[in-house]
């Protein structure tokens, strides 16, 4: 129920969809006796669009999340296992094109290959089912093996978790599959902005992992730069709002151990 509801609610909460819906309502009101209300709503949409195009609010919000767990420049000397979360391959597009369609989170895969070579005795887990409401038969984990082989990692060494639909299930199902023992050191690899929610889910599942954030999208530099790119601004704001809402609702539903998880 949580999975389905989250997908439906996000459709209406997405900043791009909100602006589009407001634009349609405002335009429709122009042909009614509420014309003045329509004009005001369209003015609000115009101001919001300018704000999104000029002010990099999404970048600031993402930067805050990315800085929550610092990059692990010096990994532990001993690592017993590595868990990599999915989100780097589009299963539906891959099925349509007959080859893995890799997205912007590909650094997760590179990190997995590098860590596999650095820790040859470590267990490896890739967690990625399908986050789609209608394409649950197309699993991301089923597409990763050949990509790992190309990077020099033996797929037989990897345990593929293919049932998860969201981050909470990533944590729960990966723990069942890996069976980590007390005192073991496991690295969790996912995008930096997603790390707080991911760590919170793993802690709630009873698994204290070491954050290994990748895919940084911000520089971490201070200042208030402006942008003149509506598409980029809207895309960044959408990613940021999605993650902050995820943090809020996961916490309210008891899927994370804190509203904004931080390093121990």
Protein backbone atom coordinates (compact mmCIF):
# COMPACT_ATOMS: atom_id res chain seq x y z
CA UNK A 1 0.00 0.00 0.00
CA UNK A 2 2.82 2.40 0.91
CA UNK A 3 4.55 1.76 -2.43
CA UNK A 4 1.44 2.42 -4.54
CA UNK A 5 0.38 5.46 -2.52
CA UNK A 6 3.86 6.99 -2.76
CA UNK A 7 3.81 6.73 -6.54
CA UNK A 8 0.35 8.30 -6.85
CA UNK A 9 1.06 11.13 -4.42
CA UNK A 10 4.36 11.95 -6.09
CA UNK A 11 2.60 12.54 -9.40
CA UNK A 12 0.75 15.46 -7.81
CA UNK A 13 3.66 16.64 -5.66
CA UNK A 14 6.21 16.84 -8.48
CA UNK A 15 7.02 20.55 -8.97
CA UNK A 16 6.77 20.23 -12.74
CA UNK A 17 3.33 18.61 -12.54
CA UNK A 18 2.18 21.21 -10.02
CA UNK A 19 3.14 24.05 -12.33
CA UNK A 20 1.46 22.35 -15.29
CA UNK A 21 -1.75 21.66 -13.37
CA UNK A 22 -1.84 25.25 -12.10
CA UNK A 23 -1.29 26.50 -15.65
CA UNK A 24 -4.21 24.42 -16.97
CA UNK A 25 -6.52 25.54 -14.16
CA UNK A 26 -5.55 29.19 -14.65
CA UNK A 27 -6.13 29.01 -18.40
CA UNK A 28 -9.50 27.30 -17.91
CA UNK A 29 -10.66 29.93 -15.43
CA UNK A 30 -10.10 32.68 -18.01
CA UNK A 31 -13.19 31.45 -19.86
CA UNK A 32 -15.40 31.59 -16.74
CA UNK A 33 -16.73 34.19 -14.34
CA UNK A 34 -13.61 33.55 -12.24
CA UNK A 35 -11.44 35.16 -14.88
CA UNK A 36 -9.67 37.39 -12.34
CA UNK A 37 -8.77 34.32 -10.26
CA UNK A 38 -7.39 32.67 -13.39
CA UNK A 39 -5.25 35.71 -14.15
CA UNK A 40 -3.85 35.69 -10.63
CA UNK A 41 -3.10 31.98 -10.79
CA UNK A 42 -1.29 32.40 -14.12
CA UNK A 43 0.71 35.25 -12.62
CA UNK A 44 1.74 32.98 -9.75
CA UNK A 45 2.79 30.31 -12.27
CA UNK A 46 4.86 32.87 -14.18
CA UNK A 47 6.61 34.08 -11.02
CA UNK A 48 7.25 30.48 -9.92
CA UNK A 49 8.71 29.65 -13.34
CA UNK A 50 11.07 32.63 -13.17
CA UNK A 51 12.12 31.62 -9.66
CA UNK A 52 12.87 28.05 -10.80
CA UNK A 53 14.81 29.34 -13.81
CA UNK A 54 16.96 31.77 -11.82
CA UNK A 55 17.31 30.47 -8.26
CA UNK A 56 19.05 27.08 -7.93
CA UNK A 57 16.94 26.04 -4.94
CA UNK A 58 17.11 22.39 -5.92
CA UNK A 59 20.90 22.50 -6.03
CA UNK A 60 21.08 23.98 -2.53
CA UNK A 61 18.69 21.37 -1.17
CA UNK A 62 20.60 18.52 -2.80
CA UNK A 63 23.95 19.90 -1.61
CA UNK A 64 22.72 19.80 1.99
CA UNK A 65 21.85 16.11 1.64
CA UNK A 66 25.09 15.29 -0.17
CA UNK A 67 27.15 16.87 2.61
CA UNK A 68 25.29 14.92 5.29
CA UNK A 69 27.56 11.89 4.85
CA UNK A 70 31.09 12.92 3.76
CA UNK A 71 32.85 10.99 1.00
CA UNK A 72 34.81 8.05 2.37
CA UNK A 73 38.28 8.97 1.13
CA UNK A 74 39.95 6.36 3.36
CA UNK A 75 37.84 3.18 3.39
CA UNK A 76 38.36 0.73 6.28
CA UNK A 77 41.31 -1.64 6.09
CA UNK A 78 38.95 -4.59 6.42
CA UNK A 79 35.58 -4.78 4.69
CA UNK A 80 33.41 -7.88 4.96
CA UNK A 81 30.86 -6.88 2.37
CA UNK A 82 29.54 -4.24 -0.01
CA UNK A 83 25.90 -3.46 -0.75
CA UNK A 84 25.13 -1.41 -3.86
CA UNK A 85 21.65 0.01 -4.36
CA UNK A 86 20.03 0.02 -7.77
CA UNK A 87 18.88 3.07 -9.67
CA UNK A 88 21.44 3.14 -12.47
CA UNK A 89 19.68 1.06 -15.13
CA UNK A 90 16.21 1.64 -16.61
CA UNK A 91 14.63 -1.85 -16.91
CA UNK A 92 11.76 -0.79 -19.19
CA UNK A 93 13.98 1.10 -21.63
CA UNK A 94 16.51 -1.74 -21.52
CA UNK A 95 13.82 -4.26 -22.47
CA UNK A 96 12.63 -2.06 -25.32
CA UNK A 97 16.12 -1.55 -26.73
CA UNK A 98 17.57 -4.97 -26.01
CA UNK A 99 20.55 -3.68 -24.04
CA UNK A 100 21.10 -2.12 -20.60
CA UNK A 101 20.08 1.54 -20.60
CA UNK A 102 22.40 3.14 -18.05
CA UNK A 103 21.50 6.43 -16.35
CA UNK A 104 23.39 9.09 -14.46
CA UNK A 105 23.95 6.97 -11.35
CA UNK A 106 26.46 4.72 -13.13
CA UNK A 107 29.17 5.66 -10.61
CA UNK A 108 27.53 3.17 -8.24
CA UNK A 109 28.55 0.39 -10.62
CA UNK A 110 32.09 1.72 -11.00
CA UNK A 111 32.40 1.93 -7.22
CA UNK A 112 31.23 -1.66 -6.89
CA UNK A 113 33.87 -2.84 -9.35
CA UNK A 114 36.62 -0.85 -7.62
CA UNK A 115 35.64 -2.08 -4.16
CA UNK A 116 35.39 -5.66 -5.40
CA UNK A 117 39.00 -5.48 -6.55
CA UNK A 118 40.17 -3.68 -3.42
CA UNK A 119 38.52 -6.24 -1.13
CA UNK A 120 38.74 -9.59 -2.97
CA UNK A 121 37.33 -11.52 0.00
CA UNK A 122 34.36 -9.24 0.60
CA UNK A 123 30.81 -10.36 -0.13
CA UNK A 124 28.98 -8.37 -2.79
CA UNK A 125 25.26 -7.59 -2.96
CA UNK A 126 23.42 -5.65 -5.66
CA UNK A 127 19.90 -4.63 -4.62
CA UNK A 128 17.51 -3.53 -7.31
CA UNK A 129 14.09 -4.84 -8.28
CA UNK A 130 11.54 -2.61 -10.00
CA UNK A 131 10.23 0.73 -8.84
CA UNK A 132 7.49 0.78 -11.47
CA UNK A 133 3.81 0.36 -10.70
CA UNK A 134 3.09 -1.51 -13.93
CA UNK A 135 6.39 -3.18 -14.90
CA UNK A 136 7.16 -5.31 -11.87
CA UNK A 137 8.31 -8.11 -14.17
CA UNK A 138 11.30 -6.08 -15.35
CA UNK A 139 14.01 -6.20 -12.67
CA UNK A 140 17.12 -4.04 -12.62
CA UNK A 141 19.20 -6.71 -10.90
CA UNK A 142 18.73 -9.00 -13.91
CA UNK A 143 20.61 -6.53 -16.12
CA UNK A 144 23.69 -5.90 -14.00
CA UNK A 145 25.67 -9.13 -14.40
CA UNK A 146 27.00 -8.46 -17.93
CA UNK A 147 27.94 -4.91 -16.98
CA UNK A 148 29.93 -6.16 -14.00
CA UNK A 149 31.64 -8.76 -16.18
CA UNK A 150 32.76 -6.00 -18.55
CA UNK A 151 34.29 -4.22 -15.54
CA UNK A 152 36.20 -7.33 -14.52
CA UNK A 153 33.94 -8.51 -11.70
CA UNK A 154 32.83 -12.15 -11.70
CA UNK A 155 28.99 -12.06 -11.52
CA UNK A 156 29.08 -15.39 -9.67
CA UNK A 157 30.60 -13.53 -6.74
CA UNK A 158 27.59 -11.19 -6.49
CA UNK A 159 24.30 -11.88 -4.73
CA UNK A 160 21.52 -10.18 -6.72
CA UNK A 161 18.47 -8.99 -4.78
CA UNK A 162 15.64 -8.46 -7.27
CA UNK A 163 12.46 -8.18 -5.17
CA UNK A 164 12.82 -4.67 -3.71
CA UNK A 165 10.66 -1.81 -4.97
CA UNK A 166 11.97 1.03 -2.81
CA UNK A 167 14.78 1.92 -0.41
CA UNK A 168 13.13 0.39 2.65
CA UNK A 169 12.82 -2.93 0.82
CA UNK A 170 16.42 -2.60 -0.42
CA UNK A 171 17.50 -2.63 3.21
CA UNK A 172 15.14 -5.36 4.40
CA UNK A 173 15.67 -7.80 1.54
CA UNK A 174 19.42 -7.22 1.28
CA UNK A 175 19.83 -7.99 4.97
CA UNK A 176 17.93 -11.25 4.55
CA UNK A 177 20.11 -12.17 1.59
CA UNK A 178 23.48 -11.15 3.05
CA UNK A 179 22.91 -12.38 6.62
CA UNK A 180 25.53 -9.97 8.06
CA UNK A 181 27.13 -11.07 11.31
CA UNK A 182 27.71 -8.95 14.38
CA UNK A 183 30.99 -7.07 14.15
CA UNK A 184 31.24 -7.23 10.35
CA UNK A 185 31.96 -4.10 8.34
CA UNK A 186 29.69 -3.52 5.34
CA UNK A 187 29.86 -0.58 2.94
CA UNK A 188 26.67 0.89 1.53
CA UNK A 189 27.03 2.41 -1.94
CA UNK A 190 24.41 4.79 -3.30
CA UNK A 191 24.16 8.36 -4.56
CA UNK A 192 25.27 10.96 -2.03
CA UNK A 193 21.94 12.81 -1.94
CA UNK A 194 20.12 9.52 -1.30
CA UNK A 195 22.49 8.34 1.43
CA UNK A 196 20.64 9.81 4.46
CA UNK A 197 17.40 7.99 3.61
CA UNK A 198 19.25 4.80 2.68
CA UNK A 199 21.27 4.71 5.90
CA UNK A 200 18.12 5.39 7.92
CA UNK A 201 16.39 2.43 6.27
CA UNK A 202 19.34 0.09 6.88
CA UNK A 203 19.55 1.13 10.53
CA UNK A 204 15.81 0.53 10.92
CA UNK A 205 16.35 -2.92 9.41
CA UNK A 206 18.94 -3.59 12.11
CA UNK A 207 21.99 -3.22 9.91
CA UNK A 208 24.63 -0.61 10.77
CA UNK A 209 26.44 -0.01 7.49
CA UNK A 210 29.27 2.35 6.59
CA UNK A 211 28.20 5.03 4.10
CA UNK A 212 30.12 5.10 0.82
CA UNK A 213 28.44 7.95 -1.11
CA UNK A 214 29.01 8.42 -4.83
CA UNK A 215 27.38 10.31 -7.73
CA UNK A 216 27.87 13.76 -6.23
CA UNK A 217 26.00 16.35 -8.24
CA UNK A 218 27.03 19.51 -6.40
CA UNK A 219 30.43 21.07 -5.72
CA UNK A 220 29.94 21.64 -2.01
CA UNK A 221 31.10 25.24 -2.38
CA UNK A 222 29.35 28.03 -0.51
CA UNK A 223 27.79 31.04 -2.17
CA UNK A 224 24.54 32.00 -3.81
CA UNK A 225 25.01 31.48 -7.54
CA UNK A 226 22.18 32.12 -9.96
CA UNK A 227 21.25 30.16 -13.04
CA UNK A 228 19.36 30.94 -16.21
CA UNK A 229 18.10 27.48 -17.06
CA UNK A 230 14.47 26.59 -16.37
CA UNK A 231 14.78 22.93 -17.40
CA UNK A 232 17.84 22.35 -15.22
CA UNK A 233 16.31 24.22 -12.29
CA UNK A 234 13.07 22.28 -12.51
CA UNK A 235 14.90 18.97 -12.77
CA UNK A 236 17.04 19.73 -9.72
CA UNK A 237 14.06 20.94 -7.72
CA UNK A 238 12.12 17.80 -8.60
CA UNK A 239 14.93 15.52 -7.42
CA UNK A 240 15.32 17.51 -4.20
CA UNK A 241 11.61 17.64 -3.36
CA UNK A 242 11.26 13.92 -4.07
CA UNK A 243 14.10 13.08 -1.67
CA UNK A 244 12.93 15.40 1.12
CA UNK A 245 9.38 14.06 0.87
CA UNK A 246 10.85 10.55 0.92
CA UNK A 247 12.70 11.36 4.13
CA UNK A 248 9.56 12.77 5.72
CA UNK A 249 7.15 9.98 4.82
CA UNK A 250 9.63 7.18 5.47
CA UNK A 251 10.15 8.62 8.96
CA UNK A 252 6.41 9.03 9.58
CA UNK A 253 5.83 5.42 8.48
CA UNK A 254 8.66 4.10 10.65
CA UNK A 255 10.88 3.07 7.74
CA UNK A 256 13.88 5.12 8.91
CA UNK A 257 15.36 5.63 12.35
CA UNK A 258 15.39 9.44 12.12
CA UNK A 259 13.84 12.26 10.12
CA UNK A 260 17.28 13.24 8.81
CA UNK A 261 19.77 10.45 9.51
CA UNK A 262 23.35 11.50 10.19
CA UNK A 263 26.67 9.71 10.68
CA UNK A 264 26.85 7.83 13.96
